[in-house]
Structure formats: C-alpha cells, structure tokens
Protein backbone atom coordinates (compact mmCIF):
# COMPACT_ATOMS: atom_id res chain seq x y z
CA MET A 1 -16.96 17.96 -8.27
CA LYS A 2 -15.18 19.56 -5.34
CA ILE A 3 -13.42 16.67 -3.62
CA LEU A 4 -11.57 16.63 -0.31
CA GLN A 5 -9.06 13.83 0.24
CA LEU A 6 -7.91 13.26 3.83
CA ILE A 7 -4.88 11.16 4.68
CA PRO A 8 -2.35 11.35 7.56
CA ALA A 9 0.66 11.38 5.19
CA PHE A 10 0.72 12.35 1.53
CA TYR A 11 3.10 13.18 -1.31
CA PRO A 12 6.11 13.17 -1.01
CA ALA A 13 5.84 10.92 2.09
CA PHE A 14 6.04 7.66 0.13
CA ALA A 15 8.11 6.09 2.91
CA TYR A 16 4.78 5.59 4.70
CA GLY A 17 3.90 2.85 2.23
CA GLY A 18 1.30 1.94 -0.32
CA THR A 19 -1.59 3.95 1.13
CA VAL A 20 0.18 7.22 0.26
CA ASN A 21 0.87 5.94 -3.24
CA VAL A 22 -2.78 5.01 -3.76
CA ALA A 23 -4.22 8.28 -2.43
CA TYR A 24 -1.72 10.25 -4.53
CA ASN A 25 -2.65 8.46 -7.75
CA ILE A 26 -6.39 8.76 -7.12
CA SER A 27 -6.03 12.47 -6.43
CA LYS A 28 -3.95 13.33 -9.48
CA GLU A 29 -6.11 11.20 -11.80
CA LEU A 30 -9.28 12.95 -10.57
CA ALA A 31 -7.60 16.36 -10.98
CA LYS A 32 -6.59 15.42 -14.51
CA ARG A 33 -10.28 14.80 -15.23
CA GLY A 34 -11.11 18.38 -14.28
CA HIS A 35 -12.31 17.87 -10.72
CA ASP A 36 -11.34 20.35 -7.99
CA VAL A 37 -9.25 18.13 -5.72
CA THR A 38 -7.93 19.28 -2.34
CA VAL A 39 -5.85 17.23 0.11
CA TYR A 40 -5.58 17.87 3.84
CA THR A 41 -2.68 16.03 5.41
CA SER A 42 0.09 16.34 8.00
CA ASP A 43 3.56 17.69 7.29
CA THR A 44 5.37 14.44 8.07
CA ILE A 45 7.57 12.98 5.34
CA ASP A 46 9.39 10.34 7.36
CA LYS A 47 10.71 9.79 10.88
CA THR A 48 12.74 13.04 10.91
CA THR A 49 11.68 15.20 7.95
CA ARG A 50 8.83 17.68 7.59
CA GLN A 51 7.24 19.16 4.49
CA ILE A 52 8.06 22.77 3.63
CA PRO A 53 6.19 24.74 2.30
CA ARG A 54 2.83 24.05 3.96
CA TYR A 55 0.82 24.56 0.75
CA LEU A 56 1.62 23.04 -2.60
CA GLU A 57 -0.12 22.61 -5.94
CA HIS A 58 1.18 19.45 -7.57
CA GLU A 59 -0.24 17.57 -10.59
CA GLY A 60 -3.33 19.79 -10.34
CA VAL A 61 -3.95 18.81 -6.71
CA LYS A 62 -4.14 21.46 -3.94
CA ILE A 63 -2.26 20.08 -0.93
CA HIS A 64 -2.47 21.61 2.55
CA TYR A 65 0.09 20.32 5.07
CA TYR A 66 -0.72 20.83 8.77
CA ARG A 67 2.00 20.58 11.40
CA ASN A 68 1.97 17.30 13.29
CA ILE A 69 2.97 17.34 16.95
CA SER A 70 5.83 14.83 16.58
CA ASN A 71 7.40 13.15 13.56
CA ARG A 72 8.62 10.28 15.73
CA LEU A 73 5.09 9.64 16.96
CA ALA A 74 3.79 10.01 13.42
CA TRP A 75 6.22 7.33 12.24
CA LYS A 76 4.61 5.02 14.83
CA ARG A 77 1.22 5.95 13.29
CA TYR A 78 0.16 8.40 16.02
CA VAL A 79 -0.36 11.30 13.61
CA LEU A 80 -1.90 14.30 15.38
CA TYR A 81 -2.14 17.59 13.50
CA PRO A 82 -4.40 19.99 15.44
CA GLY A 83 -4.56 22.59 12.67
CA LEU A 84 -6.81 20.18 10.80
CA ILE A 85 -9.67 20.82 13.25
CA ARG A 86 -10.15 24.46 12.26
CA ALA A 87 -9.62 23.71 8.57
CA ILE A 88 -12.31 21.03 8.57
CA LYS A 89 -14.73 23.05 10.68
CA ASN A 90 -14.43 26.16 8.50
CA ASN A 91 -14.19 24.57 5.06
CA ILE A 92 -15.91 21.18 4.87
CA GLN A 93 -19.16 22.75 3.64
CA ASN A 94 -17.31 23.88 0.51
CA PHE A 95 -16.86 20.29 -0.71
CA ASP A 96 -19.26 17.92 -2.44
CA VAL A 97 -17.68 14.76 -1.04
CA VAL A 98 -14.96 13.79 1.45
CA HIS A 99 -12.71 10.75 0.96
CA LEU A 100 -11.10 9.41 4.15
CA HIS A 101 -8.04 7.18 3.74
CA GLY A 102 -7.37 4.80 6.63
CA THR A 103 -9.47 3.96 9.66
CA ARG A 104 -8.08 4.49 13.18
CA ASN A 105 -6.71 7.98 12.94
CA PHE A 106 -7.17 11.53 14.19
CA GLN A 107 -8.45 12.90 10.88
CA ASN A 108 -11.42 10.52 10.68
CA MET A 109 -12.66 11.52 14.12
CA ILE A 110 -12.71 15.18 13.11
CA ALA A 111 -13.91 14.83 9.53
CA ALA A 112 -16.69 12.33 10.24
CA HIS A 113 -18.08 14.58 12.98
CA TYR A 114 -18.26 17.72 10.83
CA ALA A 115 -19.33 15.85 7.68
CA LYS A 116 -22.33 14.48 9.56
CA LYS A 117 -23.07 17.87 11.13
CA TYR A 118 -23.12 19.67 7.78
CA LYS A 119 -24.54 16.72 5.76
CA ILE A 120 -21.52 16.28 3.52
CA PRO A 121 -21.22 12.67 2.27
CA TYR A 122 -18.00 10.91 3.18
CA ILE A 123 -16.35 7.75 1.93
CA VAL A 124 -13.98 5.57 3.96
CA GLN A 125 -11.21 3.55 2.30
CA ALA A 126 -9.52 1.39 4.92
CA HIS A 127 -6.59 0.13 2.78
CA GLY A 128 -6.53 -3.24 4.54
CA SER A 129 -7.04 -2.01 8.11
CA VAL A 130 -10.75 -2.63 8.77
CA LEU A 131 -10.32 -5.08 11.64
CA PRO A 132 -7.84 -4.64 14.51
CA PHE A 133 -4.95 -7.03 14.02
CA PHE A 134 -1.28 -7.53 14.88
CA LYS A 135 0.09 -4.96 17.36
CA LYS A 136 -1.87 -2.53 19.58
CA GLN A 137 -5.03 -4.61 19.30
CA ASN A 138 -6.49 -3.45 22.61
CA LEU A 139 -5.92 0.20 21.71
CA LYS A 140 -7.50 -0.35 18.29
CA LYS A 141 -10.52 -2.05 19.85
CA LEU A 142 -10.95 0.87 22.24
CA TYR A 143 -10.82 3.32 19.31
CA ASP A 144 -13.43 1.27 17.47
CA LEU A 145 -15.69 1.17 20.52
CA VAL A 146 -15.57 4.95 21.00
CA TRP A 147 -15.29 6.23 17.39
CA GLY A 148 -14.35 3.67 14.76
CA GLU A 149 -17.56 1.66 14.43
CA LYS A 150 -19.71 4.80 14.22
CA ILE A 151 -17.41 6.36 11.63
CA LEU A 152 -17.74 3.30 9.40
CA GLN A 153 -21.46 2.82 9.97
CA ASN A 154 -22.24 6.49 9.22
CA ALA A 155 -20.15 6.54 6.04
CA SER A 156 -22.05 7.05 2.80
CA LYS A 157 -19.85 4.39 1.23
CA CYS A 158 -16.92 2.18 2.24
CA ILE A 159 -14.35 1.09 -0.34
CA ALA A 160 -13.02 -2.46 0.04
CA LEU A 161 -10.00 -3.70 -1.87
CA THR A 162 -11.15 -7.33 -1.86
CA LYS A 163 -14.12 -9.56 -0.98
CA THR A 164 -12.26 -10.39 2.24
CA GLU A 165 -12.18 -6.71 3.21
CA SER A 166 -15.84 -6.32 2.26
CA ASP A 167 -16.71 -9.08 4.73
CA GLN A 168 -14.66 -7.28 7.38
CA TYR A 169 -16.68 -4.08 6.88
CA ILE A 170 -19.87 -6.11 7.32
CA LYS A 171 -18.49 -7.54 10.55
CA MET A 172 -17.98 -3.93 11.73
CA GLY A 173 -21.66 -3.19 11.09
CA VAL A 174 -21.52 -1.62 7.62
CA PRO A 175 -24.52 -2.59 5.44
CA GLU A 176 -23.48 -4.59 2.38
CA ASP A 177 -25.19 -2.16 0.00
CA ARG A 178 -22.87 0.60 1.20
CA ILE A 179 -19.69 -1.29 0.31
CA ALA A 180 -17.94 -1.04 -3.07
CA ILE A 181 -15.10 -3.41 -3.97
CA ILE A 182 -12.48 -1.43 -5.90
CA PRO A 183 -8.91 -2.72 -6.31
CA ASN A 184 -5.76 -0.66 -6.27
CA GLY A 185 -4.20 0.47 -9.53
CA LEU A 186 -0.93 1.48 -11.10
CA ASP A 187 0.35 4.54 -12.93
CA LEU A 188 1.39 2.78 -16.13
CA SER A 189 3.27 5.83 -17.44
CA GLN A 190 6.06 5.02 -14.96
CA PHE A 191 6.53 1.64 -16.67
CA SER A 192 6.33 2.67 -20.32
CA ASN A 193 10.11 2.93 -20.81
CA LEU A 194 11.69 0.36 -18.54
CA PRO A 195 15.45 0.54 -17.86
CA GLU A 196 17.88 -2.02 -19.20
CA ARG A 197 18.65 -5.03 -17.05
CA GLY A 198 21.83 -4.82 -14.96
CA ILE A 199 21.78 -1.30 -13.50
CA PHE A 200 20.68 -2.35 -10.01
CA ARG A 201 22.97 -5.38 -9.99
CA SER A 202 25.95 -3.28 -10.96
CA LYS A 203 25.26 -0.69 -8.27
CA TYR A 204 25.04 -3.29 -5.49
CA GLY A 205 27.71 -5.69 -6.72
CA ILE A 206 25.42 -8.60 -7.64
CA SER A 207 26.67 -10.81 -10.47
CA ASP A 208 24.61 -11.46 -13.61
CA ASN A 209 24.30 -15.19 -12.94
CA CYS A 210 23.06 -14.74 -9.37
CA LYS A 211 19.33 -15.28 -8.74
CA ILE A 212 17.72 -12.38 -6.87
CA ILE A 213 14.76 -12.92 -4.55
CA LEU A 214 13.21 -9.50 -3.93
CA TYR A 215 11.05 -8.07 -1.16
CA ILE A 216 9.81 -4.45 -1.32
CA GLY A 217 7.77 -2.93 1.47
CA ARG A 218 7.86 -1.63 5.01
CA LEU A 219 10.07 -3.58 7.40
CA HIS A 220 7.26 -4.46 9.76
CA GLY A 221 6.50 -7.50 11.87
CA SER A 222 3.24 -8.14 10.00
CA LYS A 223 4.97 -8.71 6.66
CA GLY A 224 6.31 -12.20 7.36
CA LEU A 225 9.96 -11.27 6.85
CA ASP A 226 11.08 -13.82 9.44
CA LEU A 227 9.43 -16.55 7.34
CA LEU A 228 11.05 -15.20 4.17
CA ILE A 229 14.50 -15.33 5.78
CA ASP A 230 13.85 -18.91 6.96
CA ALA A 231 12.77 -19.90 3.44
CA PHE A 232 15.79 -18.17 1.91
CA ASN A 233 18.07 -19.98 4.35
CA LYS A 234 16.62 -23.27 3.12
CA VAL A 235 17.22 -22.18 -0.48
CA ILE A 236 20.91 -21.37 0.03
CA GLN A 237 21.44 -24.66 1.84
CA GLU A 238 20.65 -26.30 -1.52
CA ARG A 239 21.89 -23.64 -3.97
CA GLU A 240 24.79 -21.22 -3.65
CA ASN A 241 24.14 -18.54 -6.21
CA PHE A 242 21.18 -16.73 -4.64
CA GLN A 243 20.77 -13.29 -3.10
CA LEU A 244 17.90 -11.98 -1.00
CA VAL A 245 17.31 -8.25 -1.43
CA ILE A 246 15.07 -6.48 1.09
CA ILE A 247 14.05 -2.92 0.17
CA GLY A 248 11.99 -0.55 2.28
CA PRO A 249 11.94 1.78 5.29
CA ASP A 250 12.34 0.42 8.80
CA ASP A 251 8.97 0.30 10.52
CA GLY A 252 10.23 -1.21 13.77
CA TYR A 253 11.52 -4.56 12.52
CA LEU A 254 15.02 -3.92 11.15
CA ARG A 255 16.77 -4.95 14.36
CA GLN A 256 14.96 -8.30 14.43
CA ILE A 257 15.83 -8.94 10.78
CA LYS A 258 19.53 -8.27 11.35
CA SER A 259 19.53 -10.39 14.50
CA LYS A 260 17.95 -13.30 12.65
CA THR A 261 20.31 -13.13 9.66
CA ASN A 262 23.32 -12.95 11.96
CA TYR A 263 22.07 -15.93 13.96
CA LEU A 264 21.59 -17.98 10.78
CA GLY A 265 24.93 -16.80 9.38
CA SER A 266 23.30 -15.67 6.13
CA GLN A 267 24.03 -11.95 6.38
CA ASP A 268 26.48 -12.09 3.44
CA LYS A 269 23.69 -13.39 1.22
CA ILE A 270 21.13 -10.79 2.27
CA LYS A 271 21.20 -7.13 1.25
CA ILE A 272 18.99 -4.87 3.34
CA ILE A 273 18.43 -1.59 1.54
CA GLY A 274 16.37 1.25 2.97
CA PHE A 275 13.79 3.34 1.19
CA ILE A 276 14.85 4.15 -2.39
CA PRO A 277 13.37 6.42 -5.10
CA ASN A 278 10.90 5.01 -7.57
CA ASN A 279 13.35 4.80 -10.49
CA GLU A 280 15.75 2.67 -8.41
CA LYS A 281 12.87 0.48 -7.26
CA ILE A 282 11.97 -0.23 -10.88
CA GLN A 283 15.61 -1.07 -11.61
CA ALA A 284 15.53 -3.58 -8.73
CA LEU A 285 12.33 -5.16 -10.08
CA ILE A 286 13.81 -5.45 -13.57
CA ASP A 287 16.98 -7.14 -12.27
CA SER A 288 15.27 -9.65 -9.95
CA ASP A 289 14.03 -13.16 -10.62
CA VAL A 290 11.25 -13.62 -8.06
CA PHE A 291 9.17 -11.15 -6.03
CA VAL A 292 8.16 -12.46 -2.59
CA THR A 293 5.80 -10.97 0.01
CA PRO A 294 4.99 -13.67 2.60
CA SER A 295 2.20 -11.83 4.44
CA TYR A 296 0.03 -8.82 3.63
CA SER A 297 -3.36 -7.22 4.09
CA GLY A 298 -5.44 -5.45 1.49
CA PHE A 299 -4.04 -5.10 -2.02
CA PRO A 300 -0.30 -4.30 -2.17
CA VAL A 301 0.63 -1.96 -5.01
CA THR A 302 4.03 -3.67 -5.03
CA PHE A 303 2.34 -6.75 -6.54
CA LEU A 304 1.18 -4.64 -9.48
CA GLU A 305 4.61 -3.01 -9.82
CA ALA A 306 6.22 -6.46 -9.98
CA CYS A 307 3.76 -7.56 -12.67
CA ALA A 308 4.36 -4.39 -14.70
CA CYS A 309 8.08 -5.25 -14.73
CA GLY A 310 7.41 -8.87 -15.69
CA LEU A 311 8.44 -10.28 -12.32
CA PRO A 312 6.58 -13.40 -11.08
CA ILE A 313 5.02 -13.15 -7.60
CA ILE A 314 5.10 -15.53 -4.65
CA THR A 315 2.93 -14.90 -1.61
CA SER A 316 1.05 -17.00 0.93
CA THR A 317 -2.41 -17.74 2.26
CA HIS A 318 -1.53 -15.37 5.13
CA GLY A 319 -3.26 -12.48 3.36
CA ASP A 320 -6.47 -11.39 1.69
CA ASN A 321 -7.72 -13.49 -1.20
CA LEU A 322 -6.34 -12.05 -4.44
CA ASN A 323 -7.57 -14.73 -6.82
CA TRP A 324 -5.73 -13.30 -9.84
CA ILE A 325 -2.30 -14.37 -8.53
CA HIS A 326 -2.15 -18.16 -8.16
CA ASN A 327 -1.14 -20.05 -11.32
CA ASN A 328 -1.67 -16.86 -13.31
CA VAL A 329 1.14 -14.45 -12.37
CA GLY A 330 2.80 -16.56 -9.66
CA PHE A 331 2.04 -18.77 -6.67
CA VAL A 332 0.06 -18.50 -3.44
CA VAL A 333 1.36 -21.12 -1.00
CA GLU A 334 0.78 -22.15 2.59
CA TYR A 335 2.38 -19.91 5.22
CA ASN A 336 5.30 -22.27 5.63
CA SER A 337 9.02 -21.76 4.98
CA SER A 338 9.40 -25.07 3.14
CA LYS A 339 6.46 -24.31 0.84
CA LEU A 340 7.91 -20.86 0.19
CA ARG A 341 11.32 -22.38 -0.64
CA ASP A 342 9.74 -24.90 -3.02
CA ALA A 343 7.85 -22.17 -4.88
CA ILE A 344 11.00 -20.05 -5.25
CA LEU A 345 13.01 -22.95 -6.65
CA LYS A 346 10.22 -23.99 -9.02
CA LEU A 347 10.07 -20.53 -10.56
CA VAL A 348 13.82 -20.09 -11.00
CA ASP A 349 14.20 -23.64 -12.39
CA ASP A 350 11.27 -23.50 -14.83
CA GLU A 351 12.10 -20.68 -17.24
CA ASP A 352 9.07 -21.34 -19.44
CA LEU A 353 6.69 -21.07 -16.48
CA SER A 354 8.42 -17.94 -15.24
CA ARG A 355 8.16 -16.38 -18.69
CA LYS A 356 4.46 -17.30 -18.88
CA PHE A 357 3.73 -15.64 -15.52
CA SER A 358 5.77 -12.61 -16.60
CA ASN A 359 3.79 -12.07 -19.81
CA GLN A 360 0.44 -12.65 -18.13
CA GLY A 361 1.30 -10.20 -15.36
CA LYS A 362 2.07 -7.42 -17.82
CA ARG A 363 -1.20 -7.98 -19.68
CA LEU A 364 -3.23 -8.13 -16.47
CA VAL A 365 -1.91 -4.83 -15.09
CA ALA A 366 -2.43 -3.02 -18.39
CA GLY A 367 -5.97 -4.33 -18.82
CA GLN A 368 -7.49 -4.36 -15.32
CA PHE A 369 -5.41 -2.39 -12.87
CA ASN A 370 -4.70 0.96 -14.49
CA TRP A 371 -5.80 4.09 -12.60
CA ASN A 372 -7.90 5.39 -15.48
CA ALA A 373 -10.27 2.41 -15.29
CA ILE A 374 -10.31 2.35 -11.49
CA CYS A 375 -11.04 6.07 -11.16
CA ASP A 376 -14.03 5.60 -13.46
CA ILE A 377 -15.51 3.47 -10.67
CA ILE A 378 -14.45 5.84 -7.86
CA GLU A 379 -15.95 8.79 -9.76
CA MET A 380 -19.23 6.90 -10.05
CA GLN A 381 -19.25 6.20 -6.28
CA TYR A 382 -18.74 9.91 -5.57
CA ARG A 383 -21.67 10.86 -7.78
CA ASP A 384 -23.91 8.24 -6.19
CA VAL A 385 -23.29 9.39 -2.61
CA ILE A 386 -23.73 13.06 -3.56
CA ILE A 387 -27.08 12.32 -5.23
CA ASN A 388 -28.24 10.18 -2.30
CA GLU A 389 -27.33 12.91 0.20
CA LYS A 390 -29.51 15.40 -1.67
CA LYS A 391 -32.58 13.14 -1.64
C-alpha cells in the first residue's frame, strides 16, 4: 500500500508529546512491513528549532518537512505550513489511503478536502482530542462548526484509543460502524537491555534510599500537576525521604508550577527537568519508585513506558477509562490530593504489592501493547477502507 501520514510535528520533534511518538512508530512499523510510507509534516522541532534538511528518509519512511510560518505559534499548536496545500493538491491521488493524526489543525482542513475531491479514503486518529476541552474551547467549537464535524463525519474510519473516545466520536456525529478502537503501543526494542539502577540518581544527586515519585509529560495545565504537587506536599509532611521529579517540556505551565512550589516551600524536594532524550528518560523510570500522572486524555504512551520498566502507575478518574490499570499495574483513584497521597504511600510501603504490579506491567506491555500486534489491526483498517472506496 502507498500510505500518506499527516501530522503537524513529526520525528525528531518528540518534544511535542506522545502523538509524535505514536505516529512515528506506526510509520516505521508499516515501512518495515514493505509498505510505501510517506509523511507530510511541518519543519518545527520545538519552540525555537526547525528541521533541516526538508526531506529525509528515516527507518524506511519518506518524510517531507514544510516550513511553518512561526515556531512560536506552532509551539502553541497553531501550526500553519502553506507548502502543504500544493503538495496535497498535486500528490494525494498517488496514495491508497491517508492517515490524519489530530483533529483541529490546518492539515486536516486541506487533506480532507482533496481526499474527498479525488475519492481517496482517509482515516482520522484524534489522539485524545475529539471533544473540545480545557483551554480555547470557544475557538475549538468554532473550528468544529465550520470544518471539524464534517472532517470526522466524512472520514472512512476514525481510530479511538478507548471506549470513552469512541463515545466522543459518536457524539460528534460519527457512525459507530466507522469507529475502530485501537490502543497505543510501545517499541519494545528500546526496553530490551535496560540500564542499571542508579545512573539517573547519580546524575541528579538523589540518594539511593530516597523514594522518587516521577511525572513525565508536557508541563500543561490539563495534566493535573497542581494536584500532584499538593499530594506530594502531603507526603513530605509525613515522610522526609521523598523526591518529586517532573520531566518534560514547558507547554505554558512551568511558571505556575514554580510559583506553587515556592509558595508551599517544597522547591528543594522537587526537581523540574526539561525535555530529555529517550535513554535518559528510561534511566529515570528505572530509578523511580512510583509513576504518577494525575490527569490525562486518550492513552498516554508514558504509561506503557513505565510498565516496560517495571514501574507501578498511579493516575486518577480524571481521564479516559483504561481498565487495565487499577489493581493490575497500579491504582486509579479519585481526583483528590489526599487520595493521591494515600496511593503513593501504599505503593512505597507495600513492597510485595509494588513488585506484583511491576511484574504484571511488564507482561502486559509485551503481550498486548507492542507495535507489531497493533499495526496488524491498523493495516486491516487501511485495507478495509480502500476496498470500500472502490465499491
């Protein structure tokens, strides 16, 4: 198959979060299977850096980078890359299927229009952003009214990460028979030879007997970091030897985090580390005791990464329903700082339970959430929409 993947930011722009990671792994797995995979994306890498050169073949994937009008705007998720218009108009007929990553973006407006015009089937994968929520809700609703709803309703197939997201598609007018629930996966090769424990601790001056509570992700207001800091503050009021480590790029919330930690007087117990390479991220996971993400949407790849490293997970009901977490690889608690504190202390105090969650997490990722198994399903969806378009 000739497959076109469209995403506003792509390899090596991993600072943009899990969506880039997912699209990258889907693309390279499909290329490995012998498919002709092309990616159209913008040249943004982060808030200040652009991709050079503009064309790259990586892991068998052909990547075209089109200049975006402003990296600073792109970092705020206003990614406009006008060169995409001509590329789509001139080339979309050369592909068998188009895979759109994300919902409210410039690329979907252009691609959906020309895909419909030339009768090329397209698939939308929202990555947890089906419904307008959190900031810019009015702007998102306006986009949906003008473009978004039609883009979803005209899609040959929509990929949902969870049953919750499937219901959200239905609410947006997508027929249930055009929705496929496919979870995210993990490149297990990155976790085949894990580093020894202690490397991350040594680098950041954290003692061996200190308990590390770890958060990895964008520093964004939707992630519940204020609740995590409140819960951590309750923990250190009872126990001294704890450290909260926050890893990830600033997505508009770093100032609020620092202000809150200074106000609570806990800044000495909290290490805020920016975006780090994948090998250092794995070292942090190996050296930590509990992985905490208070709030999320969709299916965070960081949960799978934690499981692959044997790290128990704590999250809350303030997220989509991932029924494989609670009492299996960790805890899902009420969105409450006291409940979060209690779950953290239970895991660090009960070594047998922590070990049980650790072992079960490793088995779960290896058996259910590897990209080979997941791309079997995606491949099947591609074939189905191509066949249906030809009828």
